[in-house]
């Protein structure tokens, strides 16, 4: 069985080597030309960039900023999060390795100033607090948007002072699964990112 590191390297190689058919078309053109809805087009893009197939698309939801979050299971049943647009831009394709805080999320929330961490938080706010705690280390303190991620947790978008967007996937149990910057498409597509307009 291959390690998670080799799996990430294989995925990165496949991603950069793949050609996405939707890269130069608009959402309406994708639907007209390929007979697909925007959601189906994004799911196809995310399935094609995962080089560890055959893959199965588990769920796809709007990311709150104009693009999509697609959850994909690879041939080993490992879960990946993909952030992409219907035009073929892929901004993240990340293997989920469990709670990155290893159960210390409640500690991280407790370290926030009291004004930012009331004792009884609704589920989405708790996820936001965990993401904000992670964001403090990279100066990504502005919460732009939070949405349900489609698999029971929350996508929290943060923005740093240099205007970089950060994708954070966290739970109401103060678990942190993904925290990474989102910049230009990682598959080389030049279409404009939906989140840039936020």
C-alpha atoms as a PDB file:
ATOM      1  CA  UNK A   1       0.000   0.000   0.000  1.00  0.00           C
ATOM      2  CA  UNK A   2       1.346   3.397  -0.932  1.00  0.00           C
ATOM      3  CA  UNK A   3       1.872   6.107   1.641  1.00  0.00           C
ATOM      4  CA  UNK A   4      -0.134   9.313   1.827  1.00  0.00           C
ATOM      5  CA  UNK A   5       2.972  11.224   0.696  1.00  0.00           C
ATOM      6  CA  UNK A   6       3.333   9.177  -2.478  1.00  0.00           C
ATOM      7  CA  UNK A   7      -0.399   9.526  -3.050  1.00  0.00           C
ATOM      8  CA  UNK A   8      -0.071  13.314  -2.879  1.00  0.00           C
ATOM      9  CA  UNK A   9       2.876  13.240  -5.304  1.00  0.00           C
ATOM     10  CA  UNK A  10       0.958  11.044  -7.738  1.00  0.00           C
ATOM     11  CA  UNK A  11      -2.044  13.377  -7.538  1.00  0.00           C
ATOM     12  CA  UNK A  12       0.116  16.451  -8.103  1.00  0.00           C
ATOM     13  CA  UNK A  13       1.769  14.850 -11.139  1.00  0.00           C
ATOM     14  CA  UNK A  14      -1.576  13.841 -12.597  1.00  0.00           C
ATOM     15  CA  UNK A  15      -3.001  17.279 -11.924  1.00  0.00           C
ATOM     16  CA  UNK A  16      -0.263  19.150 -13.732  1.00  0.00           C
ATOM     17  CA  UNK A  17      -0.248  16.639 -16.564  1.00  0.00           C
ATOM     18  CA  UNK A  18      -3.982  16.619 -17.151  1.00  0.00           C
ATOM     19  CA  UNK A  19      -5.821  18.685 -19.701  1.00  0.00           C
ATOM     20  CA  UNK A  20      -9.235  19.814 -18.548  1.00  0.00           C
ATOM     21  CA  UNK A  21     -11.735  20.039 -21.381  1.00  0.00           C
ATOM     22  CA  UNK A  22     -13.720  22.797 -19.742  1.00  0.00           C
ATOM     23  CA  UNK A  23     -10.866  25.237 -19.132  1.00  0.00           C
ATOM     24  CA  UNK A  24     -11.690  27.825 -21.764  1.00  0.00           C
ATOM     25  CA  UNK A  25     -15.485  27.824 -21.709  1.00  0.00           C
ATOM     26  CA  UNK A  26     -18.045  29.676 -19.637  1.00  0.00           C
ATOM     27  CA  UNK A  27     -20.548  27.874 -17.387  1.00  0.00           C
ATOM     28  CA  UNK A  28     -23.374  28.393 -19.866  1.00  0.00           C
ATOM     29  CA  UNK A  29     -21.178  27.151 -22.706  1.00  0.00           C
ATOM     30  CA  UNK A  30     -20.207  24.065 -20.687  1.00  0.00           C
ATOM     31  CA  UNK A  31     -23.860  23.214 -20.191  1.00  0.00           C
ATOM     32  CA  UNK A  32     -24.739  23.828 -23.838  1.00  0.00           C
ATOM     33  CA  UNK A  33     -21.693  22.144 -25.366  1.00  0.00           C
ATOM     34  CA  UNK A  34     -21.445  19.136 -23.086  1.00  0.00           C
ATOM     35  CA  UNK A  35     -25.033  18.707 -21.895  1.00  0.00           C
ATOM     36  CA  UNK A  36     -23.884  19.060 -18.294  1.00  0.00           C
ATOM     37  CA  UNK A  37     -25.047  21.217 -15.457  1.00  0.00           C
ATOM     38  CA  UNK A  38     -22.424  23.354 -13.756  1.00  0.00           C
ATOM     39  CA  UNK A  39     -22.388  20.925 -10.822  1.00  0.00           C
ATOM     40  CA  UNK A  40     -21.796  17.956 -13.140  1.00  0.00           C
ATOM     41  CA  UNK A  41     -19.021  19.804 -14.992  1.00  0.00           C
ATOM     42  CA  UNK A  42     -17.199  20.629 -11.756  1.00  0.00           C
ATOM     43  CA  UNK A  43     -17.561  17.056 -10.533  1.00  0.00           C
ATOM     44  CA  UNK A  44     -16.064  15.821 -13.819  1.00  0.00           C
ATOM     45  CA  UNK A  45     -13.157  18.265 -13.502  1.00  0.00           C
ATOM     46  CA  UNK A  46     -12.385  17.152  -9.938  1.00  0.00           C
ATOM     47  CA  UNK A  47     -12.653  13.477 -10.866  1.00  0.00           C
ATOM     48  CA  UNK A  48     -10.278  13.992 -13.804  1.00  0.00           C
ATOM     49  CA  UNK A  49      -7.541  15.716 -11.787  1.00  0.00           C
ATOM     50  CA  UNK A  50      -7.408  13.025  -9.127  1.00  0.00           C
ATOM     51  CA  UNK A  51      -4.757  10.667 -10.423  1.00  0.00           C
ATOM     52  CA  UNK A  52      -5.528   7.994  -7.869  1.00  0.00           C
ATOM     53  CA  UNK A  53      -8.556   6.462  -9.518  1.00  0.00           C
ATOM     54  CA  UNK A  54     -10.888   5.107 -10.295  1.00  0.00           C
ATOM     55  CA  UNK A  55     -12.583   7.722  -8.168  1.00  0.00           C
ATOM     56  CA  UNK A  56     -16.115   8.274  -6.989  1.00  0.00           C
ATOM     57  CA  UNK A  57     -17.640  11.724  -6.506  1.00  0.00           C
ATOM     58  CA  UNK A  58     -19.265  11.690  -3.074  1.00  0.00           C
ATOM     59  CA  UNK A  59     -20.804  15.156  -2.905  1.00  0.00           C
ATOM     60  CA  UNK A  60     -20.554  18.565  -4.520  1.00  0.00           C
ATOM     61  CA  UNK A  61     -21.761  21.850  -3.039  1.00  0.00           C
ATOM     62  CA  UNK A  62     -21.376  25.507  -3.866  1.00  0.00           C
ATOM     63  CA  UNK A  63     -18.454  27.001  -1.956  1.00  0.00           C
ATOM     64  CA  UNK A  64     -20.199  30.305  -1.161  1.00  0.00           C
ATOM     65  CA  UNK A  65     -17.849  32.342  -3.343  1.00  0.00           C
ATOM     66  CA  UNK A  66     -18.937  31.347  -6.836  1.00  0.00           C
ATOM     67  CA  UNK A  67     -17.165  28.012  -7.248  1.00  0.00           C
ATOM     68  CA  UNK A  68     -17.648  24.481  -5.910  1.00  0.00           C
ATOM     69  CA  UNK A  69     -16.410  22.046  -3.298  1.00  0.00           C
ATOM     70  CA  UNK A  70     -16.322  18.472  -4.590  1.00  0.00           C
ATOM     71  CA  UNK A  71     -15.629  15.503  -2.327  1.00  0.00           C
ATOM     72  CA  UNK A  72     -13.980  12.562  -4.065  1.00  0.00           C
ATOM     73  CA  UNK A  73     -13.113   9.054  -2.845  1.00  0.00           C
ATOM     74  CA  UNK A  74     -10.107   7.441  -4.496  1.00  0.00           C
ATOM     75  CA  UNK A  75      -9.492   3.768  -5.226  1.00  0.00           C
ATOM     76  CA  UNK A  76      -8.340   3.198  -1.610  1.00  0.00           C
ATOM     77  CA  UNK A  77     -11.507   4.866  -0.256  1.00  0.00           C
ATOM     78  CA  UNK A  78      -9.497   7.892   0.919  1.00  0.00           C
ATOM     79  CA  UNK A  79     -11.367  11.206   0.871  1.00  0.00           C
ATOM     80  CA  UNK A  80     -10.191  14.263  -1.094  1.00  0.00           C
ATOM     81  CA  UNK A  81     -11.506  17.816  -1.156  1.00  0.00           C
ATOM     82  CA  UNK A  82     -11.422  19.602  -4.490  1.00  0.00           C
ATOM     83  CA  UNK A  83     -12.216  23.292  -4.972  1.00  0.00           C
ATOM     84  CA  UNK A  84     -12.930  24.120  -8.597  1.00  0.00           C
ATOM     85  CA  UNK A  85     -14.990  26.146 -11.033  1.00  0.00           C
ATOM     86  CA  UNK A  86     -17.219  24.925 -13.842  1.00  0.00           C
ATOM     87  CA  UNK A  87     -14.763  26.534 -16.263  1.00  0.00           C
ATOM     88  CA  UNK A  88     -12.128  23.981 -15.314  1.00  0.00           C
ATOM     89  CA  UNK A  89     -10.078  25.953 -12.805  1.00  0.00           C
ATOM     90  CA  UNK A  90      -8.891  23.776  -9.909  1.00  0.00           C
ATOM     91  CA  UNK A  91      -7.755  25.672  -6.814  1.00  0.00           C
ATOM     92  CA  UNK A  92      -7.279  22.794  -4.364  1.00  0.00           C
ATOM     93  CA  UNK A  93      -7.100  19.016  -4.580  1.00  0.00           C
ATOM     94  CA  UNK A  94      -6.193  17.816  -1.108  1.00  0.00           C
ATOM     95  CA  UNK A  95      -6.141  14.434   0.600  1.00  0.00           C
ATOM     96  CA  UNK A  96      -7.975  14.523   3.948  1.00  0.00           C
ATOM     97  CA  UNK A  97      -5.733  13.097   6.645  1.00  0.00           C
ATOM     98  CA  UNK A  98      -7.968  13.636   9.676  1.00  0.00           C
ATOM     99  CA  UNK A  99      -7.875  16.348  12.305  1.00  0.00           C
ATOM    100  CA  UNK A 100      -4.772  18.457  11.706  1.00  0.00           C
ATOM    101  CA  UNK A 101      -5.010  19.765  15.274  1.00  0.00           C
ATOM    102  CA  UNK A 102      -5.012  16.213  16.673  1.00  0.00           C
ATOM    103  CA  UNK A 103      -7.781  16.963  19.141  1.00  0.00           C
ATOM    104  CA  UNK A 104      -6.385  20.317  20.313  1.00  0.00           C
ATOM    105  CA  UNK A 105      -9.042  22.465  18.629  1.00  0.00           C
ATOM    106  CA  UNK A 106     -10.804  23.315  21.870  1.00  0.00           C
ATOM    107  CA  UNK A 107      -7.454  24.526  23.228  1.00  0.00           C
ATOM    108  CA  UNK A 108      -6.978  26.734  20.161  1.00  0.00           C
ATOM    109  CA  UNK A 109     -10.429  28.275  20.632  1.00  0.00           C
ATOM    110  CA  UNK A 110      -9.721  28.849  24.321  1.00  0.00           C
ATOM    111  CA  UNK A 111      -6.611  30.835  23.391  1.00  0.00           C
ATOM    112  CA  UNK A 112      -8.671  33.348  21.405  1.00  0.00           C
ATOM    113  CA  UNK A 113      -9.613  36.518  23.273  1.00  0.00           C
ATOM    114  CA  UNK A 114     -12.798  36.005  25.332  1.00  0.00           C
ATOM    115  CA  UNK A 115     -14.707  38.509  23.205  1.00  0.00           C
ATOM    116  CA  UNK A 116     -14.152  36.242  20.177  1.00  0.00           C
ATOM    117  CA  UNK A 117     -14.986  32.949  21.864  1.00  0.00           C
ATOM    118  CA  UNK A 118     -18.262  32.885  23.790  1.00  0.00           C
ATOM    119  CA  UNK A 119     -18.614  29.725  25.919  1.00  0.00           C
ATOM    120  CA  UNK A 120     -21.554  28.180  24.032  1.00  0.00           C
ATOM    121  CA  UNK A 121     -21.060  28.471  20.289  1.00  0.00           C
ATOM    122  CA  UNK A 122     -23.450  27.326  17.557  1.00  0.00           C
ATOM    123  CA  UNK A 123     -21.880  24.647  15.338  1.00  0.00           C
ATOM    124  CA  UNK A 124     -20.880  26.922  12.449  1.00  0.00           C
ATOM    125  CA  UNK A 125     -19.395  29.499  14.818  1.00  0.00           C
ATOM    126  CA  UNK A 126     -17.260  26.874  16.500  1.00  0.00           C
ATOM    127  CA  UNK A 127     -15.857  25.872  13.107  1.00  0.00           C
ATOM    128  CA  UNK A 128     -15.241  29.551  12.356  1.00  0.00           C
ATOM    129  CA  UNK A 129     -13.369  29.971  15.655  1.00  0.00           C
ATOM    130  CA  UNK A 130     -11.101  27.014  14.916  1.00  0.00           C
ATOM    131  CA  UNK A 131     -10.371  28.433  11.460  1.00  0.00           C
ATOM    132  CA  UNK A 132      -9.771  31.905  12.912  1.00  0.00           C
ATOM    133  CA  UNK A 133      -7.294  30.417  15.400  1.00  0.00           C
ATOM    134  CA  UNK A 134      -5.405  28.777  12.515  1.00  0.00           C
ATOM    135  CA  UNK A 135      -5.654  31.973  10.492  1.00  0.00           C
ATOM    136  CA  UNK A 136      -3.966  34.065  13.171  1.00  0.00           C
ATOM    137  CA  UNK A 137      -0.663  32.324  12.398  1.00  0.00           C
ATOM    138  CA  UNK A 138      -0.745  33.534   8.780  1.00  0.00           C
ATOM    139  CA  UNK A 139      -2.545  36.849   9.312  1.00  0.00           C
ATOM    140  CA  UNK A 140      -5.755  35.486   7.759  1.00  0.00           C
ATOM    141  CA  UNK A 141      -8.125  36.989  10.288  1.00  0.00           C
ATOM    142  CA  UNK A 142     -11.018  38.243   8.166  1.00  0.00           C
ATOM    143  CA  UNK A 143     -13.812  35.664   7.878  1.00  0.00           C
ATOM    144  CA  UNK A 144     -15.362  36.195   4.454  1.00  0.00           C
ATOM    145  CA  UNK A 145     -17.967  33.423   4.299  1.00  0.00           C
ATOM    146  CA  UNK A 146     -18.979  30.145   5.936  1.00  0.00           C
ATOM    147  CA  UNK A 147     -21.033  27.397   4.290  1.00  0.00           C
ATOM    148  CA  UNK A 148     -21.866  23.773   5.004  1.00  0.00           C
ATOM    149  CA  UNK A 149     -19.344  21.574   3.234  1.00  0.00           C
ATOM    150  CA  UNK A 150     -21.773  18.843   2.143  1.00  0.00           C
ATOM    151  CA  UNK A 151     -20.324  16.112   4.388  1.00  0.00           C
ATOM    152  CA  UNK A 152     -21.381  17.411   7.803  1.00  0.00           C
ATOM    153  CA  UNK A 153     -18.795  20.103   8.489  1.00  0.00           C
ATOM    154  CA  UNK A 154     -18.128  23.681   7.373  1.00  0.00           C
ATOM    155  CA  UNK A 155     -16.079  25.528   4.786  1.00  0.00           C
ATOM    156  CA  UNK A 156     -14.834  28.810   6.240  1.00  0.00           C
ATOM    157  CA  UNK A 157     -13.211  31.295   3.882  1.00  0.00           C
ATOM    158  CA  UNK A 158     -10.686  33.642   5.447  1.00  0.00           C
ATOM    159  CA  UNK A 159      -8.681  36.438   3.888  1.00  0.00           C
ATOM    160  CA  UNK A 160      -5.243  37.654   4.903  1.00  0.00           C
ATOM    161  CA  UNK A 161      -3.978  41.230   4.825  1.00  0.00           C
ATOM    162  CA  UNK A 162      -2.311  40.550   1.450  1.00  0.00           C
ATOM    163  CA  UNK A 163      -5.798  39.581   0.121  1.00  0.00           C
ATOM    164  CA  UNK A 164      -4.946  35.869  -0.153  1.00  0.00           C
ATOM    165  CA  UNK A 165      -7.957  33.628   0.425  1.00  0.00           C
ATOM    166  CA  UNK A 166      -7.630  30.630   2.740  1.00  0.00           C
ATOM    167  CA  UNK A 167      -9.832  27.556   2.506  1.00  0.00           C
ATOM    168  CA  UNK A 168     -10.570  26.080   5.917  1.00  0.00           C
ATOM    169  CA  UNK A 169     -12.647  22.954   6.458  1.00  0.00           C
ATOM    170  CA  UNK A 170     -13.546  22.433  10.115  1.00  0.00           C
ATOM    171  CA  UNK A 171     -16.134  20.740  12.295  1.00  0.00           C
ATOM    172  CA  UNK A 172     -18.430  21.735  15.119  1.00  0.00           C
ATOM    173  CA  UNK A 173     -16.202  19.547  17.318  1.00  0.00           C
ATOM    174  CA  UNK A 174     -13.259  21.919  16.761  1.00  0.00           C
ATOM    175  CA  UNK A 175     -11.520  19.583  14.310  1.00  0.00           C
ATOM    176  CA  UNK A 176      -9.518  21.154  11.469  1.00  0.00           C
ATOM    177  CA  UNK A 177      -9.248  19.100   8.282  1.00  0.00           C
ATOM    178  CA  UNK A 178      -7.966  21.556   5.677  1.00  0.00           C
ATOM    179  CA  UNK A 179      -6.281  24.922   5.939  1.00  0.00           C
ATOM    180  CA  UNK A 180      -4.559  26.167   2.806  1.00  0.00           C
ATOM    181  CA  UNK A 181      -4.154  29.264   0.675  1.00  0.00           C
ATOM    182  CA  UNK A 182      -6.153  29.543  -2.540  1.00  0.00           C
ATOM    183  CA  UNK A 183      -4.435  31.564  -5.226  1.00  0.00           C
ATOM    184  CA  UNK A 184      -4.247  30.941  -8.959  1.00  0.00           C
ATOM    185  CA  UNK A 185      -5.523  27.688 -10.438  1.00  0.00           C
ATOM    186  CA  UNK A 186      -3.176  24.792  -9.735  1.00  0.00           C
ATOM    187  CA  UNK A 187      -3.952  23.179 -13.068  1.00  0.00           C
ATOM    188  CA  UNK A 188      -2.676  26.104 -15.142  1.00  0.00           C
ATOM    189  CA  UNK A 189      -6.085  27.340 -16.301  1.00  0.00           C
ATOM    190  CA  UNK A 190      -6.315  31.106 -16.746  1.00  0.00           C
ATOM    191  CA  UNK A 191     -10.046  31.671 -16.227  1.00  0.00           C
ATOM    192  CA  UNK A 192     -10.873  34.108 -13.458  1.00  0.00           C
ATOM    193  CA  UNK A 193     -11.594  32.596 -10.048  1.00  0.00           C
ATOM    194  CA  UNK A 194     -15.090  33.153  -8.656  1.00  0.00           C
ATOM    195  CA  UNK A 195     -13.707  33.882  -5.195  1.00  0.00           C
ATOM    196  CA  UNK A 196     -11.674  36.837  -6.521  1.00  0.00           C
ATOM    197  CA  UNK A 197     -14.874  38.869  -6.832  1.00  0.00           C
ATOM    198  CA  UNK A 198     -15.855  38.348  -3.190  1.00  0.00           C
END
